[in-house]
Amino acid sequence: MRRGLKNRNLLGFVVTLASQLASKSTDPRPSRKLKEYAAVLDRSRLVKEDTLCHDSLTEAERKWLRVNRPPEAEHWNLLTDLKAENLPHAAL
């Protein structure tokens, strides 16, 4: 699989988190634009499960993440427990 295609779900997930963070701003335009980008990416979302960056996850870690990942990560078929709320340093 070409690397660009593989990154599509990763990008979709990150754009979704960015949209959630941007929705806290008084200016609705950034969040709206990010939601549009996420919708475009969603139309070509891959079924293949991937990780955010740790290809060396053990099977036990993978099982735990499948149960405990946030809905956004499940939607984008990613094994991660990262949530927008875990990014308090993100400035708007």
PDB file of N, CA and C in Angstrom:
ATOM      1  N   MET A   1       0.840  -1.168   0.000  1.00  0.00           N
ATOM      2  CA  MET A   1       0.000   0.000   0.000  1.00  0.00           C
ATOM      3  C   MET A   1       0.897   1.246   0.000  1.00  0.00           C
ATOM      4  N   ARG A   2       0.553   2.199  -0.799  1.00  0.00           N
ATOM      5  CA  ARG A   2       1.328   3.429  -0.814  1.00  0.00           C
ATOM      6  C   ARG A   2       1.202   4.141   0.531  1.00  0.00           C
ATOM      7  N   ARG A   3       2.293   4.738   0.972  1.00  0.00           N
ATOM      8  CA  ARG A   3       2.324   5.406   2.279  1.00  0.00           C
ATOM      9  C   ARG A   3       1.262   6.499   2.374  1.00  0.00           C
ATOM     10  N   GLY A   4       1.009   7.217   1.293  1.00  0.00           N
ATOM     11  CA  GLY A   4       0.013   8.282   1.304  1.00  0.00           C
ATOM     12  C   GLY A   4      -1.371   7.777   1.659  1.00  0.00           C
ATOM     13  N   LEU A   5      -1.730   6.622   1.140  1.00  0.00           N
ATOM     14  CA  LEU A   5      -3.026   6.046   1.470  1.00  0.00           C
ATOM     15  C   LEU A   5      -3.079   5.626   2.927  1.00  0.00           C
ATOM     16  N   LYS A   6      -2.006   5.038   3.405  1.00  0.00           N
ATOM     17  CA  LYS A   6      -1.965   4.593   4.795  1.00  0.00           C
ATOM     18  C   LYS A   6      -2.136   5.771   5.746  1.00  0.00           C
ATOM     19  N   ASN A   7      -1.570   6.904   5.388  1.00  0.00           N
ATOM     20  CA  ASN A   7      -1.646   8.084   6.252  1.00  0.00           C
ATOM     21  C   ASN A   7      -3.015   8.750   6.259  1.00  0.00           C
ATOM     22  N   ARG A   8      -3.883   8.356   5.357  1.00  0.00           N
ATOM     23  CA  ARG A   8      -5.199   8.998   5.260  1.00  0.00           C
ATOM     24  C   ARG A   8      -5.978   8.896   6.579  1.00  0.00           C
ATOM     25  N   ASN A   9      -6.009   7.728   7.185  1.00  0.00           N
ATOM     26  CA  ASN A   9      -6.719   7.581   8.452  1.00  0.00           C
ATOM     27  C   ASN A   9      -6.016   8.338   9.571  1.00  0.00           C
ATOM     28  N   LEU A  10      -4.696   8.339   9.556  1.00  0.00           N
ATOM     29  CA  LEU A  10      -3.962   9.096  10.568  1.00  0.00           C
ATOM     30  C   LEU A  10      -4.304  10.577  10.460  1.00  0.00           C
ATOM     31  N   LEU A  11      -4.298  11.089   9.237  1.00  0.00           N
ATOM     32  CA  LEU A  11      -4.619  12.501   9.025  1.00  0.00           C
ATOM     33  C   LEU A  11      -6.057  12.786   9.419  1.00  0.00           C
ATOM     34  N   GLY A  12      -6.968  11.907   9.058  1.00  0.00           N
ATOM     35  CA  GLY A  12      -8.373  12.095   9.430  1.00  0.00           C
ATOM     36  C   GLY A  12      -8.559  12.169  10.936  1.00  0.00           C
ATOM     37  N   PHE A  13      -7.861  11.315  11.649  1.00  0.00           N
ATOM     38  CA  PHE A  13      -7.954  11.320  13.109  1.00  0.00           C
ATOM     39  C   PHE A  13      -7.408  12.622  13.692  1.00  0.00           C
ATOM     40  N   VAL A  14      -6.252  13.051  13.217  1.00  0.00           N
ATOM     41  CA  VAL A  14      -5.647  14.289  13.726  1.00  0.00           C
ATOM     42  C   VAL A  14      -6.519  15.497  13.388  1.00  0.00           C
ATOM     43  N   VAL A  15      -7.083  15.524  12.197  1.00  0.00           N
ATOM     44  CA  VAL A  15      -7.969  16.624  11.806  1.00  0.00           C
ATOM     45  C   VAL A  15      -9.212  16.624  12.694  1.00  0.00           C
ATOM     46  N   THR A  16      -9.719  15.452  13.025  1.00  0.00           N
ATOM     47  CA  THR A  16     -10.880  15.358  13.916  1.00  0.00           C
ATOM     48  C   THR A  16     -10.549  15.918  15.300  1.00  0.00           C
ATOM     49  N   LEU A  17      -9.382  15.567  15.847  1.00  0.00           N
ATOM     50  CA  LEU A  17      -8.979  16.120  17.144  1.00  0.00           C
ATOM     51  C   LEU A  17      -8.814  17.631  17.055  1.00  0.00           C
ATOM     52  N   ALA A  18      -8.211  18.109  15.980  1.00  0.00           N
ATOM     53  CA  ALA A  18      -8.020  19.550  15.805  1.00  0.00           C
ATOM     54  C   ALA A  18      -9.364  20.258  15.719  1.00  0.00           C
ATOM     55  N   SER A  19     -10.317  19.657  15.071  1.00  0.00           N
ATOM     56  CA  SER A  19     -11.659  20.229  14.976  1.00  0.00           C
ATOM     57  C   SER A  19     -12.305  20.332  16.357  1.00  0.00           C
ATOM     58  N   GLN A  20     -12.127  19.299  17.163  1.00  0.00           N
ATOM     59  CA  GLN A  20     -12.673  19.331  18.527  1.00  0.00           C
ATOM     60  C   GLN A  20     -12.038  20.455  19.336  1.00  0.00           C
ATOM     61  N   LEU A  21     -10.729  20.619  19.203  1.00  0.00           N
ATOM     62  CA  LEU A  21     -10.049  21.705  19.919  1.00  0.00           C
ATOM     63  C   LEU A  21     -10.502  23.060  19.397  1.00  0.00           C
ATOM     64  N   ALA A  22     -10.627  23.182  18.089  1.00  0.00           N
ATOM     65  CA  ALA A  22     -11.030  24.457  17.490  1.00  0.00           C
ATOM     66  C   ALA A  22     -12.463  24.828  17.847  1.00  0.00           C
ATOM     67  N   SER A  23     -13.294  23.853  18.140  1.00  0.00           N
ATOM     68  CA  SER A  23     -14.691  24.143  18.479  1.00  0.00           C
ATOM     69  C   SER A  23     -14.812  24.911  19.791  1.00  0.00           C
ATOM     70  N   LYS A  24     -13.739  24.949  20.579  1.00  0.00           N
ATOM     71  CA  LYS A  24     -13.750  25.688  21.841  1.00  0.00           C
ATOM     72  C   LYS A  24     -13.450  27.172  21.629  1.00  0.00           C
ATOM     73  N   SER A  25     -13.069  27.523  20.417  1.00  0.00           N
ATOM     74  CA  SER A  25     -12.750  28.905  20.086  1.00  0.00           C
ATOM     75  C   SER A  25     -14.030  29.713  19.894  1.00  0.00           C
ATOM     76  N   THR A  26     -13.925  31.010  20.067  1.00  0.00           N
ATOM     77  CA  THR A  26     -15.084  31.878  19.821  1.00  0.00           C
ATOM     78  C   THR A  26     -15.327  32.063  18.327  1.00  0.00           C
ATOM     79  N   ASP A  27     -14.332  31.764  17.509  1.00  0.00           N
ATOM     80  CA  ASP A  27     -14.460  31.859  16.057  1.00  0.00           C
ATOM     81  C   ASP A  27     -14.820  30.479  15.504  1.00  0.00           C
ATOM     82  N   PRO A  28     -16.013  30.297  14.958  1.00  0.00           N
ATOM     83  CA  PRO A  28     -16.427  28.969  14.490  1.00  0.00           C
ATOM     84  C   PRO A  28     -15.805  28.546  13.163  1.00  0.00           C
ATOM     85  N   ARG A  29     -15.167  29.451  12.447  1.00  0.00           N
ATOM     86  CA  ARG A  29     -14.660  29.137  11.109  1.00  0.00           C
ATOM     87  C   ARG A  29     -13.603  28.032  11.085  1.00  0.00           C
ATOM     88  N   PRO A  30     -12.597  28.066  11.963  1.00  0.00           N
ATOM     89  CA  PRO A  30     -11.593  26.987  11.905  1.00  0.00           C
ATOM     90  C   PRO A  30     -12.194  25.601  12.139  1.00  0.00           C
ATOM     91  N   SER A  31     -13.075  25.487  13.104  1.00  0.00           N
ATOM     92  CA  SER A  31     -13.693  24.195  13.387  1.00  0.00           C
ATOM     93  C   SER A  31     -14.528  23.723  12.206  1.00  0.00           C
ATOM     94  N   ARG A  32     -15.260  24.629  11.620  1.00  0.00           N
ATOM     95  CA  ARG A  32     -16.100  24.285  10.468  1.00  0.00           C
ATOM     96  C   ARG A  32     -15.235  23.793   9.298  1.00  0.00           C
ATOM     97  N   LYS A  33     -14.129  24.492   9.036  1.00  0.00           N
ATOM     98  CA  LYS A  33     -13.237  24.113   7.937  1.00  0.00           C
ATOM     99  C   LYS A  33     -12.596  22.745   8.206  1.00  0.00           C
ATOM    100  N   LEU A  34     -12.167  22.531   9.441  1.00  0.00           N
ATOM    101  CA  LEU A  34     -11.564  21.240   9.791  1.00  0.00           C
ATOM    102  C   LEU A  34     -12.572  20.100   9.655  1.00  0.00           C
ATOM    103  N   LYS A  35     -13.832  20.350  10.007  1.00  0.00           N
ATOM    104  CA  LYS A  35     -14.871  19.325   9.837  1.00  0.00           C
ATOM    105  C   LYS A  35     -15.072  19.003   8.363  1.00  0.00           C
ATOM    106  N   GLU A  36     -14.962  20.023   7.511  1.00  0.00           N
ATOM    107  CA  GLU A  36     -15.066  19.789   6.070  1.00  0.00           C
ATOM    108  C   GLU A  36     -13.925  18.895   5.590  1.00  0.00           C
ATOM    109  N   TYR A  37     -12.711  19.185   6.045  1.00  0.00           N
ATOM    110  CA  TYR A  37     -11.557  18.364   5.664  1.00  0.00           C
ATOM    111  C   TYR A  37     -11.736  16.928   6.140  1.00  0.00           C
ATOM    112  N   ALA A  38     -12.217  16.764   7.372  1.00  0.00           N
ATOM    113  CA  ALA A  38     -12.427  15.421   7.912  1.00  0.00           C
ATOM    114  C   ALA A  38     -13.467  14.666   7.088  1.00  0.00           C
ATOM    115  N   ALA A  39     -14.499  15.365   6.640  1.00  0.00           N
ATOM    116  CA  ALA A  39     -15.538  14.721   5.826  1.00  0.00           C
ATOM    117  C   ALA A  39     -14.972  14.244   4.487  1.00  0.00           C
ATOM    118  N   VAL A  40     -14.092  15.044   3.894  1.00  0.00           N
ATOM    119  CA  VAL A  40     -13.459  14.637   2.636  1.00  0.00           C
ATOM    120  C   VAL A  40     -12.609  13.386   2.861  1.00  0.00           C
ATOM    121  N   LEU A  41     -11.827  13.383   3.923  1.00  0.00           N
ATOM    122  CA  LEU A  41     -10.992  12.221   4.234  1.00  0.00           C
ATOM    123  C   LEU A  41     -11.838  11.001   4.566  1.00  0.00           C
ATOM    124  N   ASP A  42     -12.970  11.231   5.212  1.00  0.00           N
ATOM    125  CA  ASP A  42     -13.830  10.125   5.626  1.00  0.00           C
ATOM    126  C   ASP A  42     -14.365   9.344   4.430  1.00  0.00           C
ATOM    127  N   ARG A  43     -14.556  10.019   3.321  1.00  0.00           N
ATOM    128  CA  ARG A  43     -15.076   9.341   2.127  1.00  0.00           C
ATOM    129  C   ARG A  43     -14.104   8.294   1.584  1.00  0.00           C
ATOM    130  N   SER A  44     -12.838   8.407   1.951  1.00  0.00           N
ATOM    131  CA  SER A  44     -11.864   7.413   1.487  1.00  0.00           C
ATOM    132  C   SER A  44     -11.139   6.746   2.659  1.00  0.00           C
ATOM    133  N   ARG A  45     -11.845   6.659   3.783  1.00  0.00           N
ATOM    134  CA  ARG A  45     -11.287   6.035   4.983  1.00  0.00           C
ATOM    135  C   ARG A  45     -10.981   4.564   4.713  1.00  0.00           C
ATOM    136  N   LEU A  46      -9.846   4.131   5.225  1.00  0.00           N
ATOM    137  CA  LEU A  46      -9.416   2.750   5.030  1.00  0.00           C
ATOM    138  C   LEU A  46      -9.950   1.851   6.142  1.00  0.00           C
ATOM    139  N   VAL A  47     -10.213   0.618   5.808  1.00  0.00           N
ATOM    140  CA  VAL A  47     -10.710  -0.359   6.776  1.00  0.00           C
ATOM    141  C   VAL A  47      -9.572  -0.925   7.608  1.00  0.00           C
ATOM    142  N   LYS A  48      -8.386  -0.953   7.033  1.00  0.00           N
ATOM    143  CA  LYS A  48      -7.240  -1.559   7.707  1.00  0.00           C
ATOM    144  C   LYS A  48      -6.929  -0.848   9.026  1.00  0.00           C
ATOM    145  N   GLU A  49      -6.794  -1.623  10.078  1.00  0.00           N
ATOM    146  CA  GLU A  49      -6.447  -1.088  11.394  1.00  0.00           C
ATOM    147  C   GLU A  49      -4.975  -0.688  11.423  1.00  0.00           C
ATOM    148  N   ASP A  50      -4.694   0.420  12.094  1.00  0.00           N
ATOM    149  CA  ASP A  50      -3.331   0.934  12.162  1.00  0.00           C
ATOM    150  C   ASP A  50      -3.119   1.514  13.562  1.00  0.00           C
ATOM    151  N   THR A  51      -1.894   1.902  13.831  1.00  0.00           N
ATOM    152  CA  THR A  51      -1.581   2.570  15.093  1.00  0.00           C
ATOM    153  C   THR A  51      -1.222   4.012  14.780  1.00  0.00           C
ATOM    154  N   LEU A  52      -1.241   4.840  15.795  1.00  0.00           N
ATOM    155  CA  LEU A  52      -0.890   6.240  15.587  1.00  0.00           C
ATOM    156  C   LEU A  52       0.594   6.373  15.281  1.00  0.00           C
ATOM    157  N   CYS A  53       1.408   5.553  15.930  1.00  0.00           N
ATOM    158  CA  CYS A  53       2.840   5.606  15.614  1.00  0.00           C
ATOM    159  C   CYS A  53       3.618   4.384  16.102  1.00  0.00           C
ATOM    160  N   HIS A  54       3.031   3.535  16.890  1.00  0.00           N
ATOM    161  CA  HIS A  54       3.765   2.421  17.491  1.00  0.00           C
ATOM    162  C   HIS A  54       3.426   1.101  16.804  1.00  0.00           C
ATOM    163  N   ASP A  55       4.141   0.779  15.730  1.00  0.00           N
ATOM    164  CA  ASP A  55       3.900  -0.487  15.036  1.00  0.00           C
ATOM    165  C   ASP A  55       4.300  -1.684  15.879  1.00  0.00           C
ATOM    166  N   SER A  56       5.078  -1.439  16.934  1.00  0.00           N
ATOM    167  CA  SER A  56       5.569  -2.540  17.755  1.00  0.00           C
ATOM    168  C   SER A  56       4.671  -2.825  18.970  1.00  0.00           C
ATOM    169  N   LEU A  57       3.420  -2.417  18.931  1.00  0.00           N
ATOM    170  CA  LEU A  57       2.517  -2.720  20.039  1.00  0.00           C
ATOM    171  C   LEU A  57       2.388  -4.225  20.213  1.00  0.00           C
ATOM    172  N   THR A  58       2.360  -4.650  21.456  1.00  0.00           N
ATOM    173  CA  THR A  58       2.137  -6.069  21.725  1.00  0.00           C
ATOM    174  C   THR A  58       0.666  -6.401  21.470  1.00  0.00           C
ATOM    175  N   GLU A  59       0.370  -7.666  21.367  1.00  0.00           N
ATOM    176  CA  GLU A  59      -1.022  -8.070  21.156  1.00  0.00           C
ATOM    177  C   GLU A  59      -1.886  -7.679  22.364  1.00  0.00           C
ATOM    178  N   ALA A  60      -1.329  -7.740  23.566  1.00  0.00           N
ATOM    179  CA  ALA A  60      -2.073  -7.328  24.768  1.00  0.00           C
ATOM    180  C   ALA A  60      -2.409  -5.832  24.700  1.00  0.00           C
ATOM    181  N   GLU A  61      -1.453  -5.013  24.269  1.00  0.00           N
ATOM    182  CA  GLU A  61      -1.708  -3.573  24.119  1.00  0.00           C
ATOM    183  C   GLU A  61      -2.771  -3.321  23.060  1.00  0.00           C
ATOM    184  N   ARG A  62      -2.689  -4.048  21.967  1.00  0.00           N
ATOM    185  CA  ARG A  62      -3.670  -3.889  20.892  1.00  0.00           C
ATOM    186  C   ARG A  62      -5.081  -4.243  21.383  1.00  0.00           C
ATOM    187  N   LYS A  63      -5.204  -5.329  22.123  1.00  0.00           N
ATOM    188  CA  LYS A  63      -6.509  -5.734  22.661  1.00  0.00           C
ATOM    189  C   LYS A  63      -7.053  -4.675  23.607  1.00  0.00           C
ATOM    190  N   TRP A  64      -6.184  -4.147  24.480  1.00  0.00           N
ATOM    191  CA  TRP A  64      -6.620  -3.120  25.430  1.00  0.00           C
ATOM    192  C   TRP A  64      -7.099  -1.881  24.681  1.00  0.00           C
ATOM    193  N   LEU A  65      -6.349  -1.454  23.678  1.00  0.00           N
ATOM    194  CA  LEU A  65      -6.718  -0.262  22.918  1.00  0.00           C
ATOM    195  C   LEU A  65      -8.009  -0.463  22.133  1.00  0.00           C
ATOM    196  N   ARG A  66      -8.251  -1.653  21.632  1.00  0.00           N
ATOM    197  CA  ARG A  66      -9.509  -1.897  20.908  1.00  0.00           C
ATOM    198  C   ARG A  66     -10.716  -1.678  21.811  1.00  0.00           C
ATOM    199  N   VAL A  67     -10.562  -1.979  23.090  1.00  0.00           N
ATOM    200  CA  VAL A  67     -11.653  -1.818  24.050  1.00  0.00           C
ATOM    201  C   VAL A  67     -11.719  -0.396  24.601  1.00  0.00           C
ATOM    202  N   ASN A  68     -10.563   0.247  24.766  1.00  0.00           N
ATOM    203  CA  ASN A  68     -10.502   1.519  25.485  1.00  0.00           C
ATOM    204  C   ASN A  68     -10.237   2.756  24.627  1.00  0.00           C
ATOM    205  N   ARG A  69     -10.150   2.596  23.328  1.00  0.00           N
ATOM    206  CA  ARG A  69      -9.891   3.767  22.486  1.00  0.00           C
ATOM    207  C   ARG A  69     -11.139   4.636  22.398  1.00  0.00           C
ATOM    208  N   PRO A  70     -10.937   5.933  22.174  1.00  0.00           N
ATOM    209  CA  PRO A  70     -12.087   6.830  22.041  1.00  0.00           C
ATOM    210  C   PRO A  70     -12.833   6.552  20.726  1.00  0.00           C
ATOM    211  N   PRO A  71     -14.075   6.982  20.638  1.00  0.00           N
ATOM    212  CA  PRO A  71     -14.867   6.736  19.424  1.00  0.00           C
ATOM    213  C   PRO A  71     -14.209   7.264  18.150  1.00  0.00           C
ATOM    214  N   GLU A  72     -13.508   8.386  18.248  1.00  0.00           N
ATOM    215  CA  GLU A  72     -12.847   8.952  17.072  1.00  0.00           C
ATOM    216  C   GLU A  72     -11.762   8.009  16.542  1.00  0.00           C
ATOM    217  N   ALA A  73     -11.005   7.421  17.451  1.00  0.00           N
ATOM    218  CA  ALA A  73      -9.952   6.479  17.047  1.00  0.00           C
ATOM    219  C   ALA A  73     -10.574   5.217  16.442  1.00  0.00           C
ATOM    220  N   GLU A  74     -11.670   4.761  17.017  1.00  0.00           N
ATOM    221  CA  GLU A  74     -12.347   3.585  16.462  1.00  0.00           C
ATOM    222  C   GLU A  74     -12.867   3.895  15.055  1.00  0.00           C
ATOM    223  N   HIS A  75     -13.460   5.073  14.888  1.00  0.00           N
ATOM    224  CA  HIS A  75     -13.976   5.467  13.575  1.00  0.00           C
ATOM    225  C   HIS A  75     -12.880   5.447  12.517  1.00  0.00           C
ATOM    226  N   TRP A  76     -11.703   5.948  12.873  1.00  0.00           N
ATOM    227  CA  TRP A  76     -10.584   6.028  11.929  1.00  0.00           C
ATOM    228  C   TRP A  76      -9.725   4.758  11.938  1.00  0.00           C
ATOM    229  N   ASN A  77     -10.185   3.705  12.609  1.00  0.00           N
ATOM    230  CA  ASN A  77      -9.500   2.408  12.651  1.00  0.00           C
ATOM    231  C   ASN A  77      -8.073   2.518  13.185  1.00  0.00           C
ATOM    232  N   LEU A  78      -7.923   3.323  14.239  1.00  0.00           N
ATOM    233  CA  LEU A  78      -6.610   3.504  14.846  1.00  0.00           C
ATOM    234  C   LEU A  78      -6.584   2.935  16.254  1.00  0.00           C
ATOM    235  N   LEU A  79      -5.467   2.365  16.601  1.00  0.00           N
ATOM    236  CA  LEU A  79      -5.254   1.867  17.955  1.00  0.00           C
ATOM    237  C   LEU A  79      -4.483   2.934  18.724  1.00  0.00           C
ATOM    238  N   THR A  80      -5.210   3.776  19.423  1.00  0.00           N
ATOM    239  CA  THR A  80      -4.638   4.832  20.247  1.00  0.00           C
ATOM    240  C   THR A  80      -5.664   5.224  21.297  1.00  0.00           C
ATOM    241  N   ASP A  81      -5.187   5.732  22.415  1.00  0.00           N
ATOM    242  CA  ASP A  81      -6.112   6.241  23.428  1.00  0.00           C
ATOM    243  C   ASP A  81      -6.058   7.768  23.505  1.00  0.00           C
ATOM    244  N   LEU A  82      -5.461   8.399  22.511  1.00  0.00           N
ATOM    245  CA  LEU A  82      -5.340   9.852  22.481  1.00  0.00           C
ATOM    246  C   LEU A  82      -6.702  10.510  22.275  1.00  0.00           C
ATOM    247  N   LYS A  83      -6.956  11.530  23.091  1.00  0.00           N
ATOM    248  CA  LYS A  83      -8.188  12.317  23.007  1.00  0.00           C
ATOM    249  C   LYS A  83      -7.812  13.788  22.972  1.00  0.00           C
ATOM    250  N   ALA A  84      -8.700  14.617  22.428  1.00  0.00           N
ATOM    251  CA  ALA A  84      -8.460  16.054  22.366  1.00  0.00           C
ATOM    252  C   ALA A  84      -8.202  16.615  23.778  1.00  0.00           C
ATOM    253  N   GLU A  85      -8.904  16.081  24.738  1.00  0.00           N
ATOM    254  CA  GLU A  85      -8.738  16.575  26.120  1.00  0.00           C
ATOM    255  C   GLU A  85      -7.360  16.267  26.686  1.00  0.00           C
ATOM    256  N   ASN A  86      -6.619  15.347  26.053  1.00  0.00           N
ATOM    257  CA  ASN A  86      -5.261  15.033  26.482  1.00  0.00           C
ATOM    258  C   ASN A  86      -4.246  16.023  25.930  1.00  0.00           C
ATOM    259  N   LEU A  87      -4.707  17.028  25.218  1.00  0.00           N
ATOM    260  CA  LEU A  87      -3.822  17.995  24.565  1.00  0.00           C
ATOM    261  C   LEU A  87      -4.028  19.391  25.161  1.00  0.00           C
ATOM    262  N   PRO A  88      -3.821  19.557  26.456  1.00  0.00           N
ATOM    263  CA  PRO A  88      -4.100  20.852  27.089  1.00  0.00           C
ATOM    264  C   PRO A  88      -3.160  21.958  26.622  1.00  0.00           C
ATOM    265  N   HIS A  89      -2.031  21.587  26.062  1.00  0.00           N
ATOM    266  CA  HIS A  89      -1.077  22.577  25.594  1.00  0.00           C
ATOM    267  C   HIS A  89      -1.429  23.148  24.233  1.00  0.00           C
ATOM    268  N   ALA A  90      -2.452  22.611  23.595  1.00  0.00           N
ATOM    269  CA  ALA A  90      -2.851  23.099  22.274  1.00  0.00           C
ATOM    270  C   ALA A  90      -3.494  24.474  22.438  1.00  0.00           C
ATOM    271  N   ALA A  91      -2.904  25.445  21.809  1.00  0.00           N
ATOM    272  CA  ALA A  91      -3.404  26.823  21.912  1.00  0.00           C
ATOM    273  C   ALA A  91      -4.352  27.116  20.759  1.00  0.00           C
ATOM    274  N   LEU A  92      -5.404  27.841  21.065  1.00  0.00           N
ATOM    275  CA  LEU A  92      -6.360  28.260  20.031  1.00  0.00           C
ATOM    276  C   LEU A  92      -6.246  29.730  19.799  1.00  0.00           C
TER     277      LEU A  92
END
